[in-house]
Amino acid sequence: MSNQKAIGRLEEFLDEGRLTNEYNFSKITEVIELLQEEESSKSALTFDSENDYILNNEHDYVWITVKNISIYLKRTDEGVVIDLFPILREGEDCIATTFAFFAEAEGI
């Protein structure tokens, strides 16, 4: 069973009131939090709110596809680089690129 399915089942038990013992309730809540933490560490992005995501520390890059453009977002020691490629041609030269330094964003 995947972590997501396990989280869903445990949340169902809580919502349905099947776990009435306070000890069980707190332990199950603790297990849900641990499973969610483990699940998010596997993914490159963590949901923050609405359409906002955070690049997890365990990952230095992520690919995002928008229609026929592949977006490569890479964290470096000094900042962030973003390269745009035609889809299915990611091994070729990028068609656009930009970057920003972390130091430049500190004063904003």
C-alpha atoms as a PDB file:
ATOM      1  CA  MET A   1       0.000   0.000   0.000  1.00  0.00           C
ATOM      2  CA  SER A   2       1.392   3.423  -0.912  1.00  0.00           C
ATOM      3  CA  ASN A   3       1.839   6.129   1.692  1.00  0.00           C
ATOM      4  CA  GLN A   4      -0.892   8.201   0.038  1.00  0.00           C
ATOM      5  CA  LYS A   5      -3.402   5.333   0.304  1.00  0.00           C
ATOM      6  CA  ALA A   6      -2.385   4.701   3.923  1.00  0.00           C
ATOM      7  CA  ILE A   7      -2.825   8.382   4.752  1.00  0.00           C
ATOM      8  CA  GLY A   8      -6.249   8.352   3.088  1.00  0.00           C
ATOM      9  CA  ARG A   9      -7.423   5.285   5.035  1.00  0.00           C
ATOM     10  CA  LEU A  10      -6.203   6.671   8.349  1.00  0.00           C
ATOM     11  CA  GLU A  11      -7.890  10.006   7.678  1.00  0.00           C
ATOM     12  CA  GLU A  12     -11.129   8.145   6.859  1.00  0.00           C
ATOM     13  CA  PHE A  13     -10.970   6.373  10.219  1.00  0.00           C
ATOM     14  CA  LEU A  14     -10.514   9.698  11.965  1.00  0.00           C
ATOM     15  CA  ASP A  15     -13.312  11.401  10.015  1.00  0.00           C
ATOM     16  CA  GLU A  16     -15.738   8.537  10.648  1.00  0.00           C
ATOM     17  CA  GLY A  17     -15.104   8.653  14.390  1.00  0.00           C
ATOM     18  CA  ARG A  18     -13.898   5.053  14.480  1.00  0.00           C
ATOM     19  CA  LEU A  19     -11.014   6.001  16.735  1.00  0.00           C
ATOM     20  CA  THR A  20     -12.574   7.210  19.937  1.00  0.00           C
ATOM     21  CA  ASN A  21      -9.719   6.417  22.301  1.00  0.00           C
ATOM     22  CA  GLU A  22      -7.625   9.579  22.837  1.00  0.00           C
ATOM     23  CA  TYR A  23      -4.375   7.580  22.801  1.00  0.00           C
ATOM     24  CA  ASN A  24      -5.235   5.936  19.469  1.00  0.00           C
ATOM     25  CA  PHE A  25      -6.282   9.270  18.010  1.00  0.00           C
ATOM     26  CA  SER A  26      -2.974  10.947  18.886  1.00  0.00           C
ATOM     27  CA  LYS A  27      -0.913   7.969  17.659  1.00  0.00           C
ATOM     28  CA  ILE A  28      -2.777   7.800  14.344  1.00  0.00           C
ATOM     29  CA  THR A  29      -2.368  11.557  13.888  1.00  0.00           C
ATOM     30  CA  GLU A  30       1.360  11.130  14.522  1.00  0.00           C
ATOM     31  CA  VAL A  31       1.564   8.320  11.939  1.00  0.00           C
ATOM     32  CA  ILE A  32      -0.274  10.446   9.356  1.00  0.00           C
ATOM     33  CA  GLU A  33       2.198  13.301   9.865  1.00  0.00           C
ATOM     34  CA  LEU A  34       5.183  10.955   9.505  1.00  0.00           C
ATOM     35  CA  LEU A  35       3.768   9.405   6.329  1.00  0.00           C
ATOM     36  CA  GLN A  36       3.055  12.830   4.837  1.00  0.00           C
ATOM     37  CA  GLU A  37       6.583  13.981   5.664  1.00  0.00           C
ATOM     38  CA  GLU A  38       8.074  10.865   4.053  1.00  0.00           C
ATOM     39  CA  GLU A  39       5.847  11.230   0.989  1.00  0.00           C
ATOM     40  CA  SER A  40       6.778  14.885   0.464  1.00  0.00           C
ATOM     41  CA  SER A  41      10.497  14.108   0.773  1.00  0.00           C
ATOM     42  CA  LYS A  42      10.220  11.782  -2.246  1.00  0.00           C
ATOM     43  CA  SER A  43       8.712  14.465  -4.438  1.00  0.00           C
ATOM     44  CA  ALA A  44      10.747  17.310  -5.900  1.00  0.00           C
ATOM     45  CA  LEU A  45       7.977  19.799  -5.074  1.00  0.00           C
ATOM     46  CA  THR A  46       5.927  20.318  -1.948  1.00  0.00           C
ATOM     47  CA  PHE A  47       2.508  21.941  -2.182  1.00  0.00           C
ATOM     48  CA  ASP A  48       2.439  25.259  -0.319  1.00  0.00           C
ATOM     49  CA  SER A  49      -0.876  26.844  -1.247  1.00  0.00           C
ATOM     50  CA  GLU A  50      -3.160  27.180  -4.267  1.00  0.00           C
ATOM     51  CA  ASN A  51      -0.652  27.198  -7.180  1.00  0.00           C
ATOM     52  CA  ASP A  52       2.488  27.630  -5.048  1.00  0.00           C
ATOM     53  CA  TYR A  53       5.094  24.909  -4.600  1.00  0.00           C
ATOM     54  CA  ILE A  54       8.464  24.696  -2.876  1.00  0.00           C
ATOM     55  CA  LEU A  55      11.464  22.879  -4.369  1.00  0.00           C
ATOM     56  CA  ASN A  56      12.518  20.395  -1.683  1.00  0.00           C
ATOM     57  CA  ASN A  57      16.081  20.535  -0.380  1.00  0.00           C
ATOM     58  CA  GLU A  58      16.733  16.944  -1.483  1.00  0.00           C
ATOM     59  CA  HIS A  59      16.260  17.971  -5.116  1.00  0.00           C
ATOM     60  CA  ASP A  60      18.294  20.524  -7.041  1.00  0.00           C
ATOM     61  CA  TYR A  61      16.088  20.730 -10.109  1.00  0.00           C
ATOM     62  CA  VAL A  62      12.642  20.111 -11.511  1.00  0.00           C
ATOM     63  CA  TRP A  63      11.190  19.860 -15.024  1.00  0.00           C
ATOM     64  CA  ILE A  64       7.802  21.489 -15.710  1.00  0.00           C
ATOM     65  CA  THR A  65       5.911  21.161 -18.990  1.00  0.00           C
ATOM     66  CA  VAL A  66       3.664  23.930 -20.293  1.00  0.00           C
ATOM     67  CA  LYS A  67       2.056  22.964 -23.608  1.00  0.00           C
ATOM     68  CA  ASN A  68       5.031  22.422 -25.943  1.00  0.00           C
ATOM     69  CA  ILE A  69       7.714  24.001 -23.735  1.00  0.00           C
ATOM     70  CA  SER A  70       9.828  22.155 -21.181  1.00  0.00           C
ATOM     71  CA  ILE A  71      11.003  24.323 -18.304  1.00  0.00           C
ATOM     72  CA  TYR A  72      14.134  23.304 -16.410  1.00  0.00           C
ATOM     73  CA  LEU A  73      14.422  25.026 -13.054  1.00  0.00           C
ATOM     74  CA  LYS A  74      17.727  24.394 -11.254  1.00  0.00           C
ATOM     75  CA  ARG A  75      18.923  25.526  -7.839  1.00  0.00           C
ATOM     76  CA  THR A  76      22.649  26.287  -7.671  1.00  0.00           C
ATOM     77  CA  ASP A  77      24.841  27.340  -4.745  1.00  0.00           C
ATOM     78  CA  GLU A  78      24.420  30.982  -5.767  1.00  0.00           C
ATOM     79  CA  GLY A  79      20.850  31.131  -7.081  1.00  0.00           C
ATOM     80  CA  VAL A  80      18.378  29.758  -9.605  1.00  0.00           C
ATOM     81  CA  VAL A  81      18.711  29.082 -13.343  1.00  0.00           C
ATOM     82  CA  ILE A  82      15.732  28.577 -15.641  1.00  0.00           C
ATOM     83  CA  ASP A  83      16.134  27.162 -19.157  1.00  0.00           C
ATOM     84  CA  LEU A  84      13.320  26.738 -21.707  1.00  0.00           C
ATOM     85  CA  PHE A  85      13.369  24.014 -24.355  1.00  0.00           C
ATOM     86  CA  PRO A  86      11.010  22.866 -27.091  1.00  0.00           C
ATOM     87  CA  ILE A  87       9.327  19.727 -25.765  1.00  0.00           C
ATOM     88  CA  LEU A  88      11.127  16.490 -26.651  1.00  0.00           C
ATOM     89  CA  ARG A  89      14.272  18.482 -27.503  1.00  0.00           C
ATOM     90  CA  GLU A  90      15.571  18.966 -23.981  1.00  0.00           C
ATOM     91  CA  GLY A  91      19.013  17.613 -24.926  1.00  0.00           C
ATOM     92  CA  GLU A  92      19.554  20.418 -27.424  1.00  0.00           C
ATOM     93  CA  ASP A  93      20.379  24.077 -26.817  1.00  0.00           C
ATOM     94  CA  CYS A  94      17.732  25.947 -24.843  1.00  0.00           C
ATOM     95  CA  ILE A  95      15.644  28.603 -26.619  1.00  0.00           C
ATOM     96  CA  ALA A  96      15.677  30.980 -23.625  1.00  0.00           C
ATOM     97  CA  THR A  97      17.382  31.202 -20.261  1.00  0.00           C
ATOM     98  CA  THR A  98      17.446  33.406 -17.172  1.00  0.00           C
ATOM     99  CA  PHE A  99      18.959  33.349 -13.706  1.00  0.00           C
ATOM    100  CA  ALA A 100      18.866  35.158 -10.380  1.00  0.00           C
ATOM    101  CA  PHE A 101      21.222  35.199  -7.432  1.00  0.00           C
ATOM    102  CA  PHE A 102      19.938  34.541  -3.906  1.00  0.00           C
ATOM    103  CA  ALA A 103      21.918  37.600  -2.744  1.00  0.00           C
ATOM    104  CA  GLU A 104      19.956  39.833  -5.147  1.00  0.00           C
ATOM    105  CA  ALA A 105      16.654  38.723  -3.632  1.00  0.00           C
ATOM    106  CA  GLU A 106      17.683  39.264   0.006  1.00  0.00           C
ATOM    107  CA  GLY A 107      17.165  43.038  -0.012  1.00  0.00           C
ATOM    108  CA  ILE A 108      13.747  42.909  -1.654  1.00  0.00           C
END
